[in-house]
C-alpha cells in the first residue's frame, strides 16, 4: 500500500507556488487582469488551489489517512496547474519544464489504484470538542428537521418552513456573529468564525435552499452594524437579529449592475416622512434579493451622493423595514407624506432551477420612505455603505465555501450509498475501479475544501484572510460542480430523476459560483488584482 510522503507534497506545492508567483509578476508587467482576462482567470484559480494545498499540509501530518488525502490533493492540484499552463507558457511568462520535476509524485499519487483506495475514507475533521458539539447539534437538526422537508420544498418551489426558522432561532444560529452584549453568542476570536463554518456546512448538507443559506443574510447585516452602526442602532437591531424577531434580506445587486456594486443607481434622497420626521426616499430597482418576501427588513445599498464620479464613495447602507409578503409576489404601500405622495414596494419572484425555498426577487421601490435613524452609522455613515456591506460579504464568501462543502458532502454520501447497493454486471458498482476513483477524488476535494475553510476562518478572526476568503469560495464552489455532477453520474439514469436527492444537489451546486460574487468577477477583480498588489509590497 502506498504511504504518504508529506515532504514530497510540500516540495511540489512549493514548485507550483513558484510557477504561479512568476506568472503573477508577468501578468502585472503585461498590463494586469483587464488586458489578460483568460490568463488572469486561470491564475486566480491556480493560486487558489495552491493555497488550498498549502493549508492542507498541517492536516496531513495528523495521521496516515490524512497524509494520503493531502498527497492526493497536492497531485490533483499540480495536474490542474499543468493543464492550465500547457500551450500558454509564453502568456504566463514561465517555462513549463520545472513542473517535470513533479512527475514522479504525480505518478504515485494520481495513480488510479491510489485514488480509488480513498473511496470510502473521507478522513476525520479534527475539530476541537467545542466545535464537535456544534457539528453534532446542527447535523442532528439538519437530519431530523431540514432534510425531510428539502425534497418537497424543492419540487413544489415552496417556502422555508417556519419551524426551521424557529428551530434555528432556539439553537442560537442567528446570533453566532452577534456580540454577547447584544444578545448573541459571539465572544470574538476564531471560535465565532469556525463555528459559523461548521454550522453552515451541516445545514447545507441537509439543504442549501432551506438550511445552509438561512443564517447568511442576518449575519451580513450584523457585521455591517458591528462595523459601522451607532450604539443606538446596535441596541435596536442586533438583539432582534440574534433572536430572529427580525429576519433580513440583502438588497445590493441591480439589473444593470451585478458584481459591479460601485455602479448602482438606486437612490436615497433626504425627505420628511408622513409625520414630518427626517428620513430618505428610496427609488430604483434591486434584483436577486433572496428571502425578500419573508424578511422583515432589507439591508439596502443606495446612492446618497448624486455625483456618480464618486462611485463607491457615494453609497450608504439602510435598514429598510417592510411587512412580510407572499412568496410568489408582493406589493406594499406606505401612508401619504405631506406632499401627497405615497411609497410603494413591489416584489416579483425570479424562478430558478435550484436553490429553492428562500426565493429570489426583483424589487421595485418608488418613493419608499425610511427614517434617517435607519442609515447605518447615521450621518457619520453616509458614503461608507460600500465598506460596511463588504464587511459582511467577505465573510459571506467564506460561508458560501462552507455551503459548497455541505452540498459536496451530501452528494458524496448519496453516491457512495448508491454505489454500495447498485448491482451491475454481477457486482456492486462500488467494486469497479472507475467508480472508486471518482469517489476517492470526491473525498479528497471535500476534505481539502473543508480544511481550507477552517484555515480561512482562523485568519478572518485575526482581521486577516481577505484574499483567502475569495480564494476558498472560488476553488470550493467550482469543485462542488464536479462532485455533484459525478455523484449524479454514478446514479446513472436514476440520478436524473427527481425522486433521488442527488438531482437536487446537482442544480443547487450550480448556483454556488454565481452568488456572493460571480466566479469570473471574483477571480479578475479581486483575487488576481490582490495577488498583483502583493508582489508590489
Protein backbone atom coordinates (compact mmCIF):
# COMPACT_ATOMS: atom_id res chain seq x y z
CA UNK A 1 0.00 0.00 0.00
CA UNK A 2 1.33 3.43 -0.97
CA UNK A 3 2.39 5.52 2.03
CA UNK A 4 2.08 9.30 2.18
CA UNK A 5 5.15 11.44 1.62
CA UNK A 6 4.47 14.89 3.09
CA UNK A 7 7.91 16.22 2.30
CA UNK A 8 7.37 15.39 -1.36
CA UNK A 9 3.93 17.01 -1.15
CA UNK A 10 5.49 20.13 0.36
CA UNK A 11 8.09 20.22 -2.42
CA UNK A 12 5.59 20.03 -5.27
CA UNK A 13 3.41 22.66 -3.61
CA UNK A 14 6.42 24.97 -3.41
CA UNK A 15 7.21 24.17 -7.04
CA UNK A 16 3.66 25.09 -8.03
CA UNK A 17 3.79 28.25 -5.91
CA UNK A 18 6.97 29.31 -7.70
CA UNK A 19 5.36 28.93 -11.12
CA UNK A 20 2.24 30.81 -10.06
CA UNK A 21 4.28 33.55 -8.41
CA UNK A 22 6.37 34.11 -11.52
CA UNK A 23 3.24 34.17 -13.67
CA UNK A 24 1.64 36.80 -11.44
CA UNK A 25 4.66 39.08 -11.86
CA UNK A 26 4.44 38.56 -15.63
CA UNK A 27 0.71 39.29 -15.59
CA UNK A 28 1.37 42.60 -13.85
CA UNK A 29 4.03 43.51 -16.41
CA UNK A 30 1.65 42.69 -19.28
CA UNK A 31 -1.00 45.15 -18.08
CA UNK A 32 -2.90 43.21 -15.41
CA UNK A 33 -6.15 41.23 -15.36
CA UNK A 34 -8.30 43.52 -17.51
CA UNK A 35 -5.97 43.17 -20.51
CA UNK A 36 -5.32 39.44 -19.98
CA UNK A 37 -8.57 38.04 -18.67
CA UNK A 38 -8.16 34.37 -19.61
CA UNK A 39 -4.69 34.12 -18.11
CA UNK A 40 -5.74 36.10 -15.02
CA UNK A 41 -8.77 33.84 -14.50
CA UNK A 42 -6.70 30.67 -14.75
CA UNK A 43 -4.02 32.13 -12.49
CA UNK A 44 -6.59 33.07 -9.85
CA UNK A 45 -7.89 29.52 -9.78
CA UNK A 46 -4.40 28.04 -9.83
CA UNK A 47 -3.34 30.26 -6.94
CA UNK A 48 -6.49 29.29 -5.02
CA UNK A 49 -5.74 25.59 -5.50
CA UNK A 50 -2.14 26.08 -4.35
CA UNK A 51 -3.34 27.95 -1.25
CA UNK A 52 -5.76 25.09 -0.54
CA UNK A 53 -2.94 22.56 -0.79
CA UNK A 54 -0.69 24.60 1.48
CA UNK A 55 -3.44 24.81 4.10
CA UNK A 56 -3.85 21.03 3.94
CA UNK A 57 -0.28 20.24 4.94
CA UNK A 58 -0.94 20.58 8.68
CA UNK A 59 -3.92 18.25 8.32
CA UNK A 60 -1.75 15.73 6.50
CA UNK A 61 0.62 15.49 9.47
CA UNK A 62 -2.13 14.19 11.78
CA UNK A 63 -2.25 10.61 10.56
CA UNK A 64 -1.63 8.21 7.69
CA UNK A 65 -5.05 8.64 6.09
CA UNK A 66 -4.80 12.40 6.44
CA UNK A 67 -1.39 12.24 4.78
CA UNK A 68 -2.74 10.23 1.88
CA UNK A 69 -5.55 12.73 1.34
CA UNK A 70 -3.01 15.56 1.39
CA UNK A 71 -0.77 13.87 -1.15
CA UNK A 72 -3.70 13.02 -3.39
CA UNK A 73 -4.88 16.61 -3.31
CA UNK A 74 -1.40 18.02 -3.97
CA UNK A 75 -1.10 15.76 -7.02
CA UNK A 76 -4.55 16.80 -8.21
CA UNK A 77 -3.63 20.47 -7.81
CA UNK A 78 -0.38 20.11 -9.75
CA UNK A 79 -2.14 18.23 -12.54
CA UNK A 80 -4.69 21.04 -12.81
CA UNK A 81 -1.90 23.63 -12.91
CA UNK A 82 -0.06 21.77 -15.68
CA UNK A 83 -3.31 21.54 -17.66
CA UNK A 84 -3.92 25.29 -17.38
CA UNK A 85 -0.31 26.06 -18.29
CA UNK A 86 0.05 23.75 -21.29
CA UNK A 87 0.26 25.70 -24.53
CA UNK A 88 0.19 29.05 -22.75
CA UNK A 89 3.66 29.10 -21.24
CA UNK A 90 4.61 32.32 -23.03
CA UNK A 91 1.41 34.04 -21.89
CA UNK A 92 2.20 33.02 -18.32
CA UNK A 93 5.80 34.11 -18.72
CA UNK A 94 7.12 30.80 -17.43
CA UNK A 95 8.90 27.77 -18.76
CA UNK A 96 6.87 24.64 -18.10
CA UNK A 97 9.92 22.45 -17.69
CA UNK A 98 10.23 22.93 -13.88
CA UNK A 99 6.92 21.13 -13.49
CA UNK A 100 8.51 17.99 -14.91
CA UNK A 101 10.15 17.52 -11.52
CA UNK A 102 6.69 16.74 -10.15
CA UNK A 103 6.18 13.77 -12.49
CA UNK A 104 7.27 11.03 -10.03
CA UNK A 105 4.97 12.50 -7.37
CA UNK A 106 2.04 12.59 -9.80
CA UNK A 107 2.78 9.07 -10.97
CA UNK A 108 2.46 7.82 -7.40
CA UNK A 109 -0.41 9.89 -6.05
CA UNK A 110 -2.54 10.22 -9.17
CA UNK A 111 -2.42 6.52 -9.89
CA UNK A 112 -5.95 5.13 -10.24
CA UNK A 113 -5.22 2.49 -7.61
CA UNK A 114 -4.15 5.08 -5.04
CA UNK A 115 -7.05 7.47 -5.64
CA UNK A 116 -9.52 4.57 -5.65
CA UNK A 117 -8.19 3.42 -2.27
CA UNK A 118 -9.65 6.61 -0.74
CA UNK A 119 -13.19 5.96 -1.98
CA UNK A 120 -14.68 5.15 1.41
CA UNK A 121 -12.16 7.01 3.54
CA UNK A 122 -13.25 10.63 3.82
CA UNK A 123 -10.95 11.29 6.76
CA UNK A 124 -11.60 12.82 10.20
CA UNK A 125 -12.17 16.56 10.54
CA UNK A 126 -10.03 17.06 13.65
CA UNK A 127 -12.33 19.59 15.23
CA UNK A 128 -11.89 20.69 18.82
CA UNK A 129 -14.51 19.31 21.21
CA UNK A 130 -16.47 22.58 21.27
CA UNK A 131 -16.81 22.56 17.50
CA UNK A 132 -17.71 18.88 17.51
CA UNK A 133 -20.66 19.80 19.71
CA UNK A 134 -21.65 22.47 17.19
CA UNK A 135 -21.32 19.94 14.38
CA UNK A 136 -23.39 17.32 16.20
CA UNK A 137 -26.14 19.78 17.12
CA UNK A 138 -26.55 21.22 13.63
CA UNK A 139 -26.19 17.86 11.90
CA UNK A 140 -28.93 16.44 14.10
CA UNK A 141 -31.21 19.38 13.31
CA UNK A 142 -30.43 19.08 9.60
CA UNK A 143 -31.15 15.33 9.59
CA UNK A 144 -34.32 15.49 11.66
CA UNK A 145 -35.93 18.77 10.60
CA UNK A 146 -34.41 20.09 7.37
CA UNK A 147 -33.72 17.02 5.23
CA UNK A 148 -37.24 15.53 5.50
CA UNK A 149 -38.68 18.73 4.00
CA UNK A 150 -36.00 19.51 1.45
CA UNK A 151 -37.38 17.50 -1.47
CA UNK A 152 -40.95 18.75 -1.07
CA UNK A 153 -39.86 22.38 -0.98
CA UNK A 154 -37.58 21.87 -3.98
CA UNK A 155 -40.12 20.13 -6.19
CA UNK A 156 -43.03 22.44 -5.33
CA UNK A 157 -40.95 25.63 -5.18
CA UNK A 158 -42.23 26.06 -1.64
CA UNK A 159 -41.20 28.29 1.24
CA UNK A 160 -38.80 27.72 4.08
CA UNK A 161 -40.98 26.10 6.79
CA UNK A 162 -41.39 28.36 9.79
CA UNK A 163 -40.44 25.53 12.13
CA UNK A 164 -36.95 25.57 10.61
CA UNK A 165 -36.60 29.29 11.29
CA UNK A 166 -37.90 28.98 14.83
CA UNK A 167 -35.81 25.86 15.46
CA UNK A 168 -32.61 27.56 14.34
CA UNK A 169 -33.50 30.59 16.44
CA UNK A 170 -33.82 28.37 19.52
CA UNK A 171 -30.38 26.92 18.77
CA UNK A 172 -28.91 30.41 18.60
CA UNK A 173 -27.95 30.06 14.93
CA UNK A 174 -28.81 33.66 14.09
CA UNK A 175 -26.72 35.00 16.95
CA UNK A 176 -23.42 33.29 16.17
CA UNK A 177 -21.85 36.54 15.00
CA UNK A 178 -23.83 38.90 17.26
CA UNK A 179 -21.67 40.10 20.19
CA UNK A 180 -22.73 38.67 23.54
CA UNK A 181 -23.51 42.13 24.95
CA UNK A 182 -26.25 42.47 22.32
CA UNK A 183 -27.92 39.13 22.93
CA UNK A 184 -25.78 36.93 20.71
CA UNK A 185 -23.14 34.28 21.23
CA UNK A 186 -20.03 35.89 19.77
CA UNK A 187 -17.16 36.35 22.16
CA UNK A 188 -14.75 37.26 19.37
CA UNK A 189 -11.75 35.20 18.28
CA UNK A 190 -11.62 32.24 15.94
CA UNK A 191 -14.48 30.44 17.68
CA UNK A 192 -17.09 32.65 16.08
CA UNK A 193 -15.84 32.12 12.54
CA UNK A 194 -15.10 28.40 12.79
CA UNK A 195 -18.45 27.71 14.48
CA UNK A 196 -20.21 29.55 11.65
CA UNK A 197 -18.36 27.45 9.05
CA UNK A 198 -19.19 24.20 10.85
CA UNK A 199 -22.86 25.12 11.30
CA UNK A 200 -23.23 26.29 7.70
CA UNK A 201 -21.76 23.08 6.31
CA UNK A 202 -24.09 20.88 8.32
CA UNK A 203 -27.18 22.92 7.45
CA UNK A 204 -26.23 22.88 3.76
CA UNK A 205 -25.73 19.13 3.89
CA UNK A 206 -29.43 18.96 4.80
CA UNK A 207 -30.46 21.50 2.17
CA UNK A 208 -28.85 24.53 0.59
CA UNK A 209 -32.19 26.23 -0.10
CA UNK A 210 -33.92 25.85 3.26
CA UNK A 211 -30.96 25.34 5.56
CA UNK A 212 -27.49 26.46 4.58
CA UNK A 213 -28.36 29.97 3.47
CA UNK A 214 -30.69 30.99 6.28
CA UNK A 215 -28.01 32.27 8.63
CA UNK A 216 -26.04 34.19 6.00
CA UNK A 217 -28.33 37.18 5.44
CA UNK A 218 -28.73 38.26 9.07
CA UNK A 219 -25.01 37.64 9.52
CA UNK A 220 -24.17 40.09 6.71
CA UNK A 221 -26.36 42.78 8.28
CA UNK A 222 -24.93 42.01 11.71
CA UNK A 223 -21.37 42.59 10.55
CA UNK A 224 -22.33 45.85 8.86
CA UNK A 225 -23.91 47.04 12.10
CA UNK A 226 -20.97 45.94 14.22
CA UNK A 227 -18.60 47.69 11.82
CA UNK A 228 -20.43 50.99 11.36
CA UNK A 229 -23.64 51.16 13.35
CA UNK A 230 -24.26 53.65 16.12
CA UNK A 231 -24.68 52.34 19.64
CA UNK A 232 -28.41 53.02 19.43
CA UNK A 233 -28.65 51.03 16.19
CA UNK A 234 -26.77 48.12 17.69
CA UNK A 235 -29.04 48.10 20.74
CA UNK A 236 -32.11 48.27 18.50
CA UNK A 237 -31.31 45.72 15.81
CA UNK A 238 -28.70 43.21 16.97
CA UNK A 239 -30.84 41.54 19.67
CA UNK A 240 -33.70 41.23 17.18
CA UNK A 241 -31.45 39.67 14.57
CA UNK A 242 -30.00 37.23 17.12
CA UNK A 243 -33.45 36.04 18.21
CA UNK A 244 -34.94 36.00 14.67
CA UNK A 245 -37.54 38.53 15.79
CA UNK A 246 -36.28 40.31 12.68
CA UNK A 247 -35.25 38.33 9.60
CA UNK A 248 -33.17 40.15 7.00
CA UNK A 249 -32.66 40.08 3.24
CA UNK A 250 -29.85 41.79 1.35
CA UNK A 251 -30.69 44.21 -1.48
CA UNK A 252 -27.45 45.16 -3.24
CA UNK A 253 -27.49 43.79 -6.81
CA UNK A 254 -29.29 45.73 -9.55
CA UNK A 255 -30.45 44.65 -13.03
CA UNK A 256 -27.62 46.52 -14.78
CA UNK A 257 -25.07 46.15 -12.01
CA UNK A 258 -24.39 42.67 -10.71
CA UNK A 259 -20.95 42.31 -9.23
CA UNK A 260 -20.18 45.91 -10.23
CA UNK A 261 -21.56 47.23 -6.96
CA UNK A 262 -19.90 50.63 -7.29
CA UNK A 263 -22.09 51.47 -10.29
CA UNK A 264 -25.50 51.06 -8.68
CA UNK A 265 -28.31 53.50 -9.50
CA UNK A 266 -30.86 53.13 -6.69
CA UNK A 267 -31.02 56.48 -4.93
CA UNK A 268 -31.80 57.65 -1.40
CA UNK A 269 -32.72 61.35 -1.17
CA UNK A 270 -33.39 63.24 2.05
CA UNK A 271 -37.11 63.85 2.62
CA UNK A 272 -39.54 64.18 5.51
CA UNK A 273 -41.84 61.30 6.38
CA UNK A 274 -45.63 61.31 6.93
CA UNK A 275 -45.21 62.82 10.41
CA UNK A 276 -42.52 65.27 9.33
CA UNK A 277 -39.74 63.07 10.70
CA UNK A 278 -36.41 63.31 8.79
CA UNK A 279 -35.60 60.44 6.50
CA UNK A 280 -34.88 59.32 2.95
CA UNK A 281 -36.93 58.44 -0.13
CA UNK A 282 -35.59 55.37 -1.92
CA UNK A 283 -36.20 54.88 -5.65
CA UNK A 284 -34.99 52.25 -8.05
CA UNK A 285 -34.87 48.51 -8.68
CA UNK A 286 -32.95 45.78 -6.89
CA UNK A 287 -32.68 42.21 -8.14
CA UNK A 288 -31.61 38.80 -6.87
CA UNK A 289 -32.80 39.79 -3.42
CA UNK A 290 -33.04 36.39 -1.73
CA UNK A 291 -35.62 35.84 1.02
CA UNK A 292 -37.14 39.30 0.42
CA UNK A 293 -40.78 38.24 0.87
CA UNK A 294 -40.34 36.59 4.26
CA UNK A 295 -37.84 39.15 5.51
CA UNK A 296 -38.85 41.91 7.94
CA UNK A 297 -36.09 44.26 6.80
CA UNK A 298 -33.90 44.77 3.75
CA UNK A 299 -30.24 45.66 4.08
CA UNK A 300 -30.24 48.02 1.13
CA UNK A 301 -27.29 49.75 -0.56
CA UNK A 302 -28.25 53.05 -2.19
CA UNK A 303 -26.59 56.10 -3.70
CA UNK A 304 -26.83 59.07 -1.32
CA UNK A 305 -24.45 61.27 -3.30
CA UNK A 306 -25.72 62.17 -6.81
CA UNK A 307 -22.14 62.67 -8.02
CA UNK A 308 -21.61 59.32 -9.76
CA UNK A 309 -17.92 60.06 -10.25
CA UNK A 310 -17.51 59.18 -6.57
CA UNK A 311 -18.56 55.60 -7.40
CA UNK A 312 -18.46 53.50 -4.21
CA UNK A 313 -17.70 56.55 -2.04
CA UNK A 314 -21.21 57.85 -2.66
CA UNK A 315 -23.05 54.78 -1.33
CA UNK A 316 -24.78 54.21 2.01
CA UNK A 317 -26.47 51.23 3.67
CA UNK A 318 -30.01 51.43 5.03
CA UNK A 319 -32.10 49.12 7.18
CA UNK A 320 -35.42 49.17 5.34
CA UNK A 321 -38.39 47.79 7.32
CA UNK A 322 -41.15 46.07 5.37
CA UNK A 323 -44.11 43.77 6.03
CA UNK A 324 -43.77 40.05 5.42
CA UNK A 325 -45.12 39.22 1.97
CA UNK A 326 -46.37 36.34 -0.13
CA UNK A 327 -43.59 34.19 -1.54
CA UNK A 328 -44.95 34.32 -5.08
CA UNK A 329 -45.11 38.11 -5.29
CA UNK A 330 -45.96 41.06 -3.08
CA UNK A 331 -46.85 44.74 -3.17
CA UNK A 332 -46.87 47.20 -0.26
CA UNK A 333 -47.73 50.86 0.09
CA UNK A 334 -46.94 53.48 2.71
CA UNK A 335 -49.13 56.34 4.04
CA UNK A 336 -49.01 59.57 2.06
CA UNK A 337 -46.43 62.18 3.06
CA UNK A 338 -47.03 65.95 3.38
CA UNK A 339 -46.54 66.41 -0.38
CA UNK A 340 -49.28 63.87 -1.11
CA UNK A 341 -47.04 61.10 -2.48
CA UNK A 342 -47.03 57.58 -1.02
CA UNK A 343 -44.33 54.94 -1.02
CA UNK A 344 -44.64 51.70 -2.96
CA UNK A 345 -42.64 48.45 -2.93
CA UNK A 346 -43.28 45.60 -5.35
CA UNK A 347 -41.54 42.24 -5.38
CA UNK A 348 -41.53 39.95 -8.41
CA UNK A 349 -40.22 36.41 -7.83
CA UNK A 350 -37.44 35.06 -10.06
CA UNK A 351 -37.97 31.35 -10.61
CA UNK A 352 -34.77 29.31 -10.52
CA UNK A 353 -33.79 25.74 -11.42
CA UNK A 354 -32.45 25.10 -7.92
CA UNK A 355 -31.73 26.79 -4.61
CA UNK A 356 -35.45 26.88 -3.91
CA UNK A 357 -37.19 27.72 -0.67
CA UNK A 358 -35.84 31.17 0.11
CA UNK A 359 -36.85 32.59 -3.31
CA UNK A 360 -35.16 35.49 -5.05
CA UNK A 361 -36.90 38.67 -6.17
CA UNK A 362 -36.69 41.76 -8.26
CA UNK A 363 -37.85 44.60 -6.05
CA UNK A 364 -39.08 47.95 -7.38
CA UNK A 365 -39.10 50.81 -4.86
CA UNK A 366 -40.96 54.04 -5.59
CA UNK A 367 -40.64 56.82 -3.03
CA UNK A 368 -40.24 54.25 -0.26
CA UNK A 369 -39.55 56.27 2.87
CA UNK A 370 -37.02 55.22 5.52
CA UNK A 371 -36.28 57.18 8.72
CA UNK A 372 -32.86 58.82 8.93
CA UNK A 373 -32.04 56.74 12.00
CA UNK A 374 -32.04 53.67 9.74
CA UNK A 375 -29.00 54.84 7.80
CA UNK A 376 -26.25 52.63 9.25
CA UNK A 377 -23.90 54.96 11.10
CA UNK A 378 -26.44 57.75 10.57
CA UNK A 379 -24.78 60.94 9.27
CA UNK A 380 -21.29 59.60 10.02
CA UNK A 381 -22.06 56.51 7.94
CA UNK A 382 -23.12 58.39 4.84
CA UNK A 383 -20.91 57.42 1.92
CA UNK A 384 -19.42 54.44 3.77
CA UNK A 385 -22.00 51.86 2.79
CA UNK A 386 -19.79 50.04 0.32
CA UNK A 387 -17.26 49.32 3.05
CA UNK A 388 -19.93 48.27 5.55
CA UNK A 389 -21.58 45.83 3.17
CA UNK A 390 -18.20 44.41 2.16
CA UNK A 391 -17.55 43.65 5.85
CA UNK A 392 -20.36 41.13 5.64
CA UNK A 393 -19.77 39.99 2.08
CA UNK A 394 -16.19 38.88 2.71
CA UNK A 395 -17.35 36.53 5.42
CA UNK A 396 -20.29 35.65 3.18
CA UNK A 397 -17.78 34.22 0.70
CA UNK A 398 -16.34 32.01 3.42
CA UNK A 399 -19.83 30.88 4.32
CA UNK A 400 -20.55 30.12 0.67
CA UNK A 401 -17.48 27.88 0.63
CA UNK A 402 -18.85 26.11 3.71
CA UNK A 403 -22.19 25.73 1.94
CA UNK A 404 -20.39 24.19 -1.02
CA UNK A 405 -18.65 21.70 1.27
CA UNK A 406 -22.01 20.74 2.76
CA UNK A 407 -23.54 20.15 -0.67
CA UNK A 408 -20.50 18.13 -1.74
CA UNK A 409 -20.64 16.03 1.42
CA UNK A 410 -24.29 15.22 0.81
CA UNK A 411 -23.58 14.33 -2.83
CA UNK A 412 -20.65 12.10 -1.87
CA UNK A 413 -22.67 10.29 0.79
CA UNK A 414 -25.54 9.73 -1.65
CA UNK A 415 -23.20 8.45 -4.37
CA UNK A 416 -21.34 6.13 -2.01
CA UNK A 417 -24.54 4.64 -0.62
CA UNK A 418 -25.94 4.10 -4.11
CA UNK A 419 -22.69 2.56 -5.36
CA UNK A 420 -22.62 0.14 -2.45
CA UNK A 421 -26.11 -1.12 -3.28
CA UNK A 422 -26.41 -0.89 -7.07
CA UNK A 423 -25.54 -4.19 -8.81
CA UNK A 424 -24.40 -4.03 -12.44
CA UNK A 425 -22.86 -6.89 -14.44
CA UNK A 426 -22.83 -9.07 -11.36
CA UNK A 427 -21.10 -6.70 -8.94
CA UNK A 428 -21.98 -3.65 -6.90
CA UNK A 429 -20.62 -0.66 -8.80
CA UNK A 430 -18.52 0.42 -5.80
CA UNK A 431 -16.28 -2.52 -6.65
CA UNK A 432 -15.34 -1.06 -10.03
CA UNK A 433 -12.13 0.97 -10.19
CA UNK A 434 -13.64 3.88 -12.13
CA UNK A 435 -16.42 4.34 -9.58
CA UNK A 436 -13.98 4.10 -6.70
CA UNK A 437 -11.60 6.59 -8.30
CA UNK A 438 -14.45 9.07 -8.67
CA UNK A 439 -15.49 8.59 -5.07
CA UNK A 440 -11.87 8.86 -3.92
CA UNK A 441 -11.39 12.19 -5.67
CA UNK A 442 -14.67 13.42 -4.20
CA UNK A 443 -13.47 12.60 -0.69
CA UNK A 444 -10.16 14.36 -1.30
CA UNK A 445 -11.71 17.55 -2.73
CA UNK A 446 -14.24 17.74 0.08
CA UNK A 447 -11.67 17.40 2.84
CA UNK A 448 -9.33 19.87 1.14
CA UNK A 449 -12.10 22.44 0.84
CA UNK A 450 -13.22 21.88 4.41
CA UNK A 451 -9.76 22.25 5.92
CA UNK A 452 -9.05 25.36 3.86
CA UNK A 453 -12.33 26.86 5.09
CA UNK A 454 -11.28 26.18 8.70
CA UNK A 455 -7.94 27.84 7.99
CA UNK A 456 -9.55 30.92 6.45
CA UNK A 457 -11.90 31.17 9.43
CA UNK A 458 -8.95 31.41 11.81
CA UNK A 459 -7.36 34.07 9.60
CA UNK A 460 -10.52 36.17 9.46
CA UNK A 461 -10.83 36.04 13.22
CA UNK A 462 -7.47 37.84 13.35
CA UNK A 463 -8.60 40.50 10.90
CA UNK A 464 -6.77 38.79 8.04
CA UNK A 465 -7.74 36.39 5.26
CA UNK A 466 -9.49 38.76 2.86
CA UNK A 467 -7.94 37.28 -0.27
CA UNK A 468 -8.10 33.76 1.17
CA UNK A 469 -11.87 34.14 1.69
CA UNK A 470 -12.21 34.88 -2.02
CA UNK A 471 -9.87 32.02 -2.90
CA UNK A 472 -11.72 29.43 -0.85
CA UNK A 473 -15.02 30.44 -2.44
CA UNK A 474 -13.57 30.36 -5.95
CA UNK A 475 -11.96 26.95 -5.51
CA UNK A 476 -14.56 25.08 -3.49
CA UNK A 477 -17.60 26.26 -5.44
CA UNK A 478 -16.14 25.03 -8.72
CA UNK A 479 -15.20 21.75 -7.04
CA UNK A 480 -18.81 21.35 -5.90
CA UNK A 481 -19.96 21.35 -9.52
CA UNK A 482 -17.69 18.43 -10.35
CA UNK A 483 -18.53 16.46 -7.22
CA UNK A 484 -22.29 16.85 -7.64
CA UNK A 485 -22.10 16.03 -11.35
CA UNK A 486 -20.12 12.84 -10.79
CA UNK A 487 -22.39 11.87 -7.90
CA UNK A 488 -25.30 12.16 -10.32
CA UNK A 489 -23.39 10.18 -12.95
CA UNK A 490 -22.75 7.34 -10.51
CA UNK A 491 -26.53 7.09 -10.09
CA UNK A 492 -26.90 6.56 -13.83
CA UNK A 493 -30.41 7.23 -15.13
CA UNK A 494 -31.77 7.49 -11.61
CA UNK A 495 -29.53 10.47 -10.99
CA UNK A 496 -31.64 12.40 -13.50
CA UNK A 497 -34.84 11.53 -11.66
CA UNK A 498 -36.24 13.99 -9.14
CA UNK A 499 -37.01 11.17 -6.73
CA UNK A 500 -33.29 10.90 -5.98
CA UNK A 501 -31.76 13.62 -3.81
CA UNK A 502 -28.65 13.87 -5.98
CA UNK A 503 -30.58 15.65 -8.76
CA UNK A 504 -31.41 18.48 -6.35
CA UNK A 505 -27.82 18.65 -5.15
CA UNK A 506 -26.64 18.98 -8.75
CA UNK A 507 -28.80 22.03 -9.56
CA UNK A 508 -28.14 23.56 -6.14
CA UNK A 509 -24.38 23.28 -6.61
CA UNK A 510 -24.58 25.23 -9.85
CA UNK A 511 -25.55 28.48 -8.11
CA UNK A 512 -22.57 28.50 -5.76
CA UNK A 513 -20.08 30.01 -8.20
CA UNK A 514 -22.61 32.67 -9.20
CA UNK A 515 -23.82 34.28 -5.98
CA UNK A 516 -21.76 36.11 -3.34
CA UNK A 517 -19.58 37.33 -6.20
CA UNK A 518 -19.69 35.70 -9.64
CA UNK A 519 -16.66 33.47 -10.19
CA UNK A 520 -15.28 35.47 -13.12
CA UNK A 521 -15.57 38.81 -11.32
CA UNK A 522 -14.16 37.35 -8.12
CA UNK A 523 -11.13 35.97 -9.97
CA UNK A 524 -10.43 39.02 -12.14
CA UNK A 525 -11.40 41.92 -9.90
CA UNK A 526 -10.46 40.55 -6.51
CA UNK A 527 -8.07 37.59 -6.48
CA UNK A 528 -5.87 38.45 -9.46
CA UNK A 529 -5.65 42.13 -8.52
CA UNK A 530 -4.73 41.40 -4.93
CA UNK A 531 -2.14 38.85 -5.98
CA UNK A 532 -0.55 41.52 -8.15
CA UNK A 533 -0.73 44.06 -5.32
CA UNK A 534 1.05 41.59 -3.04
CA UNK A 535 4.01 41.46 -5.43
CA UNK A 536 4.47 45.22 -5.06
CA UNK A 537 4.93 45.12 -1.29
